[in-house]
Amino acid sequence: MVCVLLAATFVLMPSVAAKEYLPPTYEYTNNYYKAYGEPDLYASVLGDTEFDRGETAQIKVVLSNKGVLYGFKADTVIGTSEGDHQVSLTELQYETQRTTAYGIKASLVSSTDLIEVDAATSSQTLDELLPGDLSEDPFTFTVTISDNAPAGVYVLEMPLNYEYAQDVRMTDGESIRLGMPDLDHATYYETVEQTIQIPVIVMPEAKFHISSVSGNLTAGSTGTVNITYTNIGELTAEDAVARLIVMEPLSTDRSVRSIGTMLPGESRTVSFDITSDFQAVEKNYGLDSEIKYTDEDGETAFSENMKVNVDLKQPENQLNITGLAIAGLVVMGIVLIIKNRRNNGSNRSKRSEDRSE
C-alpha cells in the first residue's frame, strides 16, 4: 500500500549526518518504508544573456529544487509492537529528506572557441538545496565573447553532480557494535549527474574590416594611401565616417573621410594624403583607423581599432642623411691626405735647396 504524503504531515528532521563512514550492509538494518521522489533541479539566469562581440561578462545562475515526495510504501509488517511502530515513524521522518540535493557541483562548459569560460569561475559548489528552495547565492561564471563570433544563439552546458538520500534504514543500535557513530539509522546515497543548457545570444551589429591597402610613401614627400573598408557584420551602418590616426614622422591635413551608408557585406574605398618627414626611417608603419557610424537604434557607435600597414621608402637615387655624412667624411679625408702630401713635398724641396746652398 502506498501512503500519500501531505505537506504538513511530518516535520523535517535535521540534515543527515556527515558521511564520514560507509553505511552498514542491509543485514544489520531494518527497512520499514520505501519512499518515492527525488530532487529535481532547474536553472534560471539572472538578467539577460545577450552579449556583444568582444565583451567579457558574467552569467549568474540560480538553482531551484522542484523535487516532490510522492509517497511511501510499507516494506516491513510492524504488527502490534509499539516499539517497532515508533521506530518506523522515525524512519518515515528521515525519508522525507529524500528530495534534498547534497554536495552540488556545477560547472559551465563551452563547446566553441568563440566563447571562453574563465577557468577561475568554471567550477562551483553548493552544500545542499532543499525542495522548494532557491540557491541563496547564484553561481557566477565569467565568459568572454570572441571578436569574431557570428551573431546567433550559442548553447553553453552546465553539468551538475549531486547526491540524495536514496534509502534510509534503521540500525537498531547495531552501528556501535560495527565501530560506527551511534546513529539510529543509516543513509544510502545515490549520485545524480544531469546537464542543464544555458543559451547565450551574440547580438548582431555592424562590424568593419580593412580588406585592402594600396599606395606607398616616400620620405620627404606626400603620398596617397587607399584603404578599403568592408562591413562584415549583420547590420547596416548609417552615415559612416573613417578616421585615420597618424603620428610623427607622418602627418595628414585631413584625417577624416566620409564613407556613407554601408550595408552588410558592402565595401568602400577612401584615400588619405599622408606627408612623411625627409628624416623618416624606411620601414613599414602601422597606422590606426576607426569608423564612426549610426547604429540601428539611431545611436552613435564606433568600430574597433583597425591597423593600416603602410610601407615608407627612401627616394630613389638620392643619398640619405647617413650616406651624405659618410660621403662628407670621405671627401674630407681625401682632402687632408692630398694636403698632407703636398706639405711633405714642399718640405723636402726646401731641405734640398738649403743643402745645395
Protein backbone atom coordinates (compact mmCIF):
# COMPACT_ATOMS: atom_id res chain seq x y z
CA MET A 1 0.00 0.00 0.00
CA VAL A 2 1.27 3.49 -0.87
CA CYS A 3 0.68 6.29 1.63
CA VAL A 4 0.15 9.75 0.14
CA LEU A 5 2.27 12.45 1.79
CA LEU A 6 0.50 15.62 2.94
CA ALA A 7 2.51 18.82 3.22
CA ALA A 8 2.00 19.20 6.98
CA THR A 9 2.14 15.53 7.94
CA PHE A 10 5.78 15.44 9.11
CA VAL A 11 8.32 17.89 10.43
CA LEU A 12 11.65 17.69 8.60
CA MET A 13 14.42 16.26 10.71
CA PRO A 14 17.91 17.85 10.85
CA SER A 15 20.23 17.19 7.93
CA VAL A 16 21.53 13.68 7.51
CA ALA A 17 24.78 13.13 9.42
CA ALA A 18 28.01 13.79 7.57
CA LYS A 19 29.18 10.84 5.53
CA GLU A 20 32.39 10.02 7.37
CA TYR A 21 31.85 6.27 7.15
CA LEU A 22 30.41 3.63 4.88
CA PRO A 23 26.89 2.59 5.90
CA PRO A 24 26.46 -0.99 7.17
CA THR A 25 25.19 -3.69 4.89
CA TYR A 26 21.46 -4.30 4.75
CA GLU A 27 21.68 -7.37 7.03
CA TYR A 28 22.40 -5.07 10.00
CA THR A 29 19.46 -2.78 9.27
CA ASN A 30 15.66 -2.81 9.12
CA ASN A 31 13.60 -1.05 6.48
CA TYR A 32 10.05 -0.08 7.29
CA TYR A 33 9.12 2.17 4.37
CA LYS A 34 10.06 2.78 0.77
CA ALA A 35 9.81 6.45 -0.24
CA TYR A 36 9.14 7.78 -3.75
CA GLY A 37 10.53 11.01 -5.17
CA GLU A 38 13.91 12.66 -5.60
CA PRO A 39 15.46 16.11 -6.19
CA ASP A 40 14.56 17.86 -9.43
CA LEU A 41 16.95 20.73 -10.17
CA TYR A 42 16.35 23.61 -12.57
CA ALA A 43 18.46 26.62 -13.51
CA SER A 44 17.42 30.24 -14.08
CA VAL A 45 19.69 33.01 -15.35
CA LEU A 46 19.58 36.39 -13.59
CA GLY A 47 19.39 39.14 -16.21
CA ASP A 48 19.74 38.53 -19.91
CA THR A 49 22.34 36.57 -21.81
CA GLU A 50 22.59 38.90 -24.79
CA PHE A 51 26.18 39.96 -25.35
CA ASP A 52 28.22 41.90 -27.90
CA ARG A 53 31.29 40.63 -29.68
CA GLY A 54 34.46 41.13 -27.66
CA GLU A 55 32.50 41.52 -24.42
CA THR A 56 33.54 39.96 -21.12
CA ALA A 57 30.53 39.45 -18.90
CA GLN A 58 29.15 37.41 -16.02
CA ILE A 59 26.42 34.81 -16.22
CA LYS A 60 24.62 34.38 -12.88
CA VAL A 61 22.70 31.15 -12.48
CA VAL A 62 20.21 30.39 -9.67
CA LEU A 63 19.30 26.77 -8.96
CA SER A 64 15.87 25.69 -7.79
CA ASN A 65 14.82 22.33 -6.40
CA LYS A 66 11.36 21.27 -7.56
CA GLY A 67 11.65 17.78 -6.17
CA VAL A 68 8.39 16.25 -4.94
CA LEU A 69 7.95 13.45 -2.40
CA TYR A 70 5.12 11.41 -3.90
CA GLY A 71 4.51 8.98 -1.06
CA PHE A 72 5.58 5.87 0.81
CA LYS A 73 5.08 2.14 0.65
CA ALA A 74 5.27 -0.09 3.71
CA ASP A 75 8.15 -2.54 3.43
CA THR A 76 8.00 -4.35 6.80
CA VAL A 77 4.98 -5.60 8.73
CA ILE A 78 5.03 -3.90 12.12
CA GLY A 79 2.30 -5.73 13.91
CA THR A 80 1.20 -4.53 17.35
CA SER A 81 4.67 -3.69 18.73
CA GLU A 82 4.67 -0.11 19.95
CA GLY A 83 8.48 -0.03 19.81
CA ASP A 84 8.56 -1.07 16.17
CA HIS A 85 5.79 1.39 15.41
CA GLN A 86 7.76 4.27 16.92
CA VAL A 87 10.94 3.27 15.04
CA SER A 88 9.00 3.09 11.79
CA LEU A 89 7.66 6.62 12.31
CA THR A 90 11.21 7.86 12.95
CA GLU A 91 12.36 6.31 9.68
CA LEU A 92 9.40 7.94 7.94
CA GLN A 93 10.63 11.33 9.12
CA TYR A 94 14.15 10.63 7.82
CA GLU A 95 12.69 9.53 4.48
CA THR A 96 11.15 12.99 4.00
CA GLN A 97 14.66 14.31 3.34
CA ARG A 98 14.86 12.19 0.21
CA THR A 99 14.23 15.17 -2.12
CA THR A 100 17.10 17.27 -0.72
CA ALA A 101 20.14 17.59 -3.03
CA TYR A 102 23.52 17.38 -1.28
CA GLY A 103 27.05 18.33 -2.38
CA ILE A 104 26.04 20.06 -5.61
CA LYS A 105 28.90 20.65 -8.03
CA ALA A 106 28.25 22.85 -11.06
CA SER A 107 30.48 23.83 -13.96
CA LEU A 108 29.99 25.80 -17.15
CA VAL A 109 31.36 24.37 -20.40
CA SER A 110 31.62 25.96 -23.83
CA SER A 111 31.78 23.71 -26.88
CA THR A 112 33.09 26.51 -29.11
CA ASP A 113 36.29 28.56 -29.16
CA LEU A 114 34.16 31.63 -29.84
CA ILE A 115 33.01 31.75 -26.19
CA GLU A 116 35.56 31.24 -23.44
CA VAL A 117 34.66 30.44 -19.83
CA ASP A 118 37.12 31.78 -17.28
CA ALA A 119 38.79 28.78 -15.63
CA ALA A 120 38.75 30.54 -12.25
CA THR A 121 34.94 30.50 -12.25
CA SER A 122 34.20 27.40 -14.30
CA SER A 123 33.52 25.11 -11.31
CA GLN A 124 31.45 25.96 -8.21
CA THR A 125 29.73 24.13 -5.35
CA LEU A 126 26.68 24.29 -3.09
CA ASP A 127 26.33 22.28 0.13
CA GLU A 128 22.63 21.46 -0.14
CA LEU A 129 19.37 22.58 -1.70
CA LEU A 130 16.08 21.76 -0.02
CA PRO A 131 12.94 21.04 -2.04
CA GLY A 132 11.04 24.21 -2.87
CA ASP A 133 14.10 26.40 -2.27
CA LEU A 134 16.29 28.58 -4.48
CA SER A 135 20.06 28.78 -4.07
CA GLU A 136 20.70 31.82 -1.88
CA ASP A 137 23.82 32.90 -3.79
CA PRO A 138 23.89 32.43 -7.58
CA PHE A 139 26.64 30.59 -9.38
CA THR A 140 28.62 33.32 -11.18
CA PHE A 141 30.55 32.39 -14.31
CA THR A 142 32.72 34.79 -16.33
CA VAL A 143 32.62 34.43 -20.11
CA THR A 144 34.37 36.25 -22.96
CA ILE A 145 32.82 36.53 -26.41
CA SER A 146 35.28 36.41 -29.32
CA ASP A 147 35.57 39.42 -31.60
CA ASN A 148 34.99 37.01 -34.49
CA ALA A 149 31.85 35.35 -33.15
CA PRO A 150 29.00 35.46 -35.71
CA ALA A 151 25.68 36.71 -34.38
CA GLY A 152 23.35 33.95 -33.21
CA VAL A 153 22.43 31.65 -30.34
CA TYR A 154 25.12 29.57 -28.65
CA VAL A 155 24.37 26.88 -26.08
CA LEU A 156 26.62 26.50 -23.04
CA GLU A 157 26.29 23.38 -20.93
CA MET A 158 26.19 23.30 -17.14
CA PRO A 159 26.84 19.76 -15.86
CA LEU A 160 25.51 19.16 -12.35
CA ASN A 161 26.64 16.45 -9.95
CA TYR A 162 24.90 15.86 -6.61
CA GLU A 163 23.64 13.19 -4.22
CA TYR A 164 20.39 12.46 -2.46
CA ALA A 165 19.28 10.02 0.25
CA GLN A 166 18.06 7.18 -1.94
CA ASP A 167 17.28 4.95 1.04
CA VAL A 168 17.15 5.26 4.83
CA ARG A 169 17.19 2.17 7.05
CA MET A 170 17.11 1.84 10.85
CA THR A 171 20.10 0.25 12.61
CA ASP A 172 18.56 -0.67 15.99
CA GLY A 173 21.83 0.23 17.74
CA GLU A 174 23.93 -2.11 15.62
CA SER A 175 26.11 0.76 14.37
CA ILE A 176 28.11 0.98 17.63
CA ARG A 177 28.94 -2.70 17.52
CA LEU A 178 30.22 -2.18 13.98
CA GLY A 179 32.54 0.63 15.09
CA MET A 180 30.36 3.38 13.62
CA PRO A 181 28.84 6.52 15.16
CA ASP A 182 25.89 5.99 17.48
CA LEU A 183 23.15 6.67 14.97
CA ASP A 184 19.74 5.07 14.90
CA HIS A 185 19.71 4.98 11.09
CA ALA A 186 21.93 4.54 8.04
CA THR A 187 21.60 6.59 4.87
CA TYR A 188 22.40 5.23 1.43
CA TYR A 189 23.11 7.94 -1.14
CA GLU A 190 22.57 7.93 -4.89
CA THR A 191 24.74 10.06 -7.20
CA VAL A 192 22.96 12.02 -9.93
CA GLU A 193 24.50 13.61 -12.98
CA GLN A 194 22.49 15.94 -15.18
CA THR A 195 23.28 18.68 -17.70
CA ILE A 196 21.40 21.96 -17.98
CA GLN A 197 21.68 24.07 -21.13
CA ILE A 198 22.31 27.82 -20.89
CA PRO A 199 21.60 29.73 -24.15
CA VAL A 200 23.82 32.73 -24.94
CA ILE A 201 22.94 35.23 -27.66
CA VAL A 202 25.59 37.16 -29.58
CA MET A 203 23.87 40.30 -30.80
CA PRO A 204 24.02 41.32 -34.49
CA GLU A 205 25.83 44.55 -35.28
CA ALA A 206 27.82 46.34 -37.95
CA LYS A 207 31.44 45.18 -37.91
CA PHE A 208 34.26 46.54 -40.03
CA HIS A 209 37.35 45.00 -41.53
CA ILE A 210 40.13 46.52 -43.66
CA SER A 211 40.12 44.32 -46.74
CA SER A 212 42.93 46.04 -48.68
CA VAL A 213 45.53 48.84 -48.53
CA SER A 214 47.38 50.26 -51.52
CA GLY A 215 49.92 53.02 -52.03
CA ASN A 216 53.45 53.70 -50.77
CA LEU A 217 55.01 56.64 -49.00
CA THR A 218 58.33 58.29 -49.83
CA ALA A 219 60.39 60.13 -47.23
CA GLY A 220 60.22 63.89 -47.64
CA SER A 221 57.09 63.93 -49.82
CA THR A 222 53.30 63.43 -49.79
CA GLY A 223 51.74 60.20 -50.99
CA THR A 224 48.23 58.78 -51.29
CA VAL A 225 47.13 55.69 -49.37
CA ASN A 226 43.92 53.94 -50.47
CA ILE A 227 42.07 51.98 -47.76
CA THR A 228 39.14 49.66 -48.44
CA TYR A 229 36.72 49.08 -45.54
CA THR A 230 34.22 46.19 -45.57
CA ASN A 231 31.15 45.79 -43.34
CA ILE A 232 31.43 42.13 -42.33
CA GLY A 233 28.67 42.46 -39.71
CA GLU A 234 24.97 41.69 -39.91
CA LEU A 235 23.53 45.21 -39.64
CA THR A 236 23.72 48.39 -41.74
CA ALA A 237 25.97 51.27 -40.66
CA GLU A 238 24.44 54.68 -41.40
CA ASP A 239 26.48 57.83 -42.09
CA ALA A 240 29.81 56.05 -41.64
CA VAL A 241 32.96 58.16 -41.35
CA ALA A 242 36.50 56.72 -41.50
CA ARG A 243 39.26 58.26 -39.39
CA LEU A 244 42.99 57.65 -39.81
CA ILE A 245 45.32 58.34 -36.89
CA VAL A 246 48.93 59.15 -37.82
CA MET A 247 51.90 60.17 -35.71
CA GLU A 248 55.35 61.61 -36.38
CA PRO A 249 57.24 61.32 -38.68
CA LEU A 250 53.96 61.09 -40.65
CA SER A 251 51.17 63.66 -40.84
CA THR A 252 47.99 64.42 -42.75
CA ASP A 253 45.96 67.55 -43.27
CA ARG A 254 42.69 65.63 -43.44
CA SER A 255 42.34 62.56 -41.23
CA VAL A 256 38.59 62.00 -41.71
CA ARG A 257 36.79 60.74 -44.82
CA SER A 258 33.06 60.15 -45.31
CA ILE A 259 32.04 56.63 -46.32
CA GLY A 260 28.25 56.93 -46.22
CA THR A 261 25.79 54.12 -45.53
CA MET A 262 27.30 50.63 -45.67
CA LEU A 263 25.11 47.56 -45.97
CA PRO A 264 26.26 44.16 -44.64
CA GLY A 265 28.94 42.80 -46.97
CA GLU A 266 29.48 46.16 -48.71
CA SER A 267 32.96 47.67 -49.22
CA ARG A 268 34.07 51.28 -49.70
CA THR A 269 37.50 52.67 -50.61
CA VAL A 270 38.71 56.06 -49.38
CA SER A 271 42.00 57.89 -49.95
CA PHE A 272 44.20 59.71 -47.43
CA ASP A 273 47.05 62.06 -48.36
CA ILE A 274 49.97 61.45 -45.97
CA THR A 275 53.14 63.51 -45.73
CA SER A 276 56.33 61.99 -44.37
CA ASP A 277 59.32 63.83 -42.91
CA PHE A 278 62.50 63.69 -45.01
CA GLN A 279 64.25 62.11 -41.99
CA ALA A 280 61.70 59.29 -41.74
CA VAL A 281 63.24 55.82 -41.46
CA GLU A 282 62.49 53.37 -44.24
CA LYS A 283 60.19 50.70 -42.81
CA ASN A 284 56.57 49.53 -42.51
CA TYR A 285 54.41 51.86 -40.42
CA GLY A 286 51.30 50.66 -38.58
CA LEU A 287 48.61 53.34 -38.54
CA ASP A 288 45.38 53.22 -36.53
CA SER A 289 41.96 53.62 -38.06
CA GLU A 290 38.37 53.51 -36.81
CA ILE A 291 34.87 54.11 -38.16
CA LYS A 292 32.19 56.23 -36.54
CA TYR A 293 28.64 55.43 -37.59
CA THR A 294 24.97 55.49 -36.56
CA ASP A 295 23.57 52.11 -35.46
CA GLU A 296 20.05 50.71 -35.91
CA ASP A 297 18.87 52.45 -32.73
CA GLY A 298 20.00 55.83 -34.01
CA GLU A 299 22.88 55.91 -31.55
CA THR A 300 26.46 56.89 -32.37
CA ALA A 301 28.75 53.87 -32.41
CA PHE A 302 32.43 53.25 -33.05
CA SER A 303 34.17 50.30 -34.61
CA GLU A 304 37.10 48.55 -33.02
CA ASN A 305 40.56 49.89 -33.76
CA MET A 306 41.93 48.61 -37.08
CA LYS A 307 45.57 48.55 -38.22
CA VAL A 308 46.67 50.03 -41.55
CA ASN A 309 50.14 48.89 -42.61
CA VAL A 310 51.93 51.27 -45.00
CA ASP A 311 55.46 50.96 -46.46
CA LEU A 312 57.72 54.02 -46.44
CA LYS A 313 60.81 54.12 -48.64
CA GLN A 314 63.70 56.48 -49.26
CA PRO A 315 63.69 58.45 -52.54
CA GLU A 316 65.38 56.61 -55.38
CA ASN A 317 68.90 57.74 -56.47
CA GLN A 318 69.20 60.02 -53.50
CA LEU A 319 71.55 59.60 -50.59
CA ASN A 320 70.05 59.76 -47.20
CA ILE A 321 71.46 61.76 -44.28
CA THR A 322 73.71 58.97 -43.13
CA GLY A 323 75.05 58.49 -46.65
CA LEU A 324 75.74 62.20 -47.04
CA ALA A 325 77.57 62.29 -43.73
CA ILE A 326 79.75 59.34 -44.70
CA ALA A 327 80.44 60.84 -48.09
CA GLY A 328 81.43 64.13 -46.44
CA LEU A 329 83.85 62.36 -44.14
CA VAL A 330 85.40 60.50 -47.07
CA VAL A 331 85.86 63.74 -49.03
CA MET A 332 87.39 65.47 -46.01
CA GLY A 333 89.76 62.55 -45.54
CA ILE A 334 90.87 62.68 -49.17
CA VAL A 335 91.44 66.43 -48.94
CA LEU A 336 93.54 66.06 -45.80
CA ILE A 337 95.63 63.28 -47.40
CA ILE A 338 96.30 65.36 -50.52
CA LYS A 339 97.11 68.44 -48.45
CA ASN A 340 99.42 66.44 -46.23
CA ARG A 341 101.26 65.02 -49.24
CA ARG A 342 101.69 68.47 -50.73
CA ASN A 343 103.11 69.80 -47.48
CA ASN A 344 105.52 66.89 -47.29
CA GLY A 345 106.65 67.53 -50.86
CA SER A 346 107.24 71.26 -50.20
CA ASN A 347 109.26 70.45 -47.11
CA ARG A 348 111.51 68.02 -48.98
CA SER A 349 112.14 70.60 -51.75
CA LYS A 350 113.05 73.25 -49.24
CA ARG A 351 115.50 70.99 -47.45
CA SER A 352 117.19 70.15 -50.78
CA GLU A 353 117.64 73.81 -51.64
CA ASP A 354 119.15 74.51 -48.21
CA ARG A 355 121.71 71.73 -48.64
CA SER A 356 122.71 72.97 -52.10
CA GLU A 357 123.47 76.46 -50.76
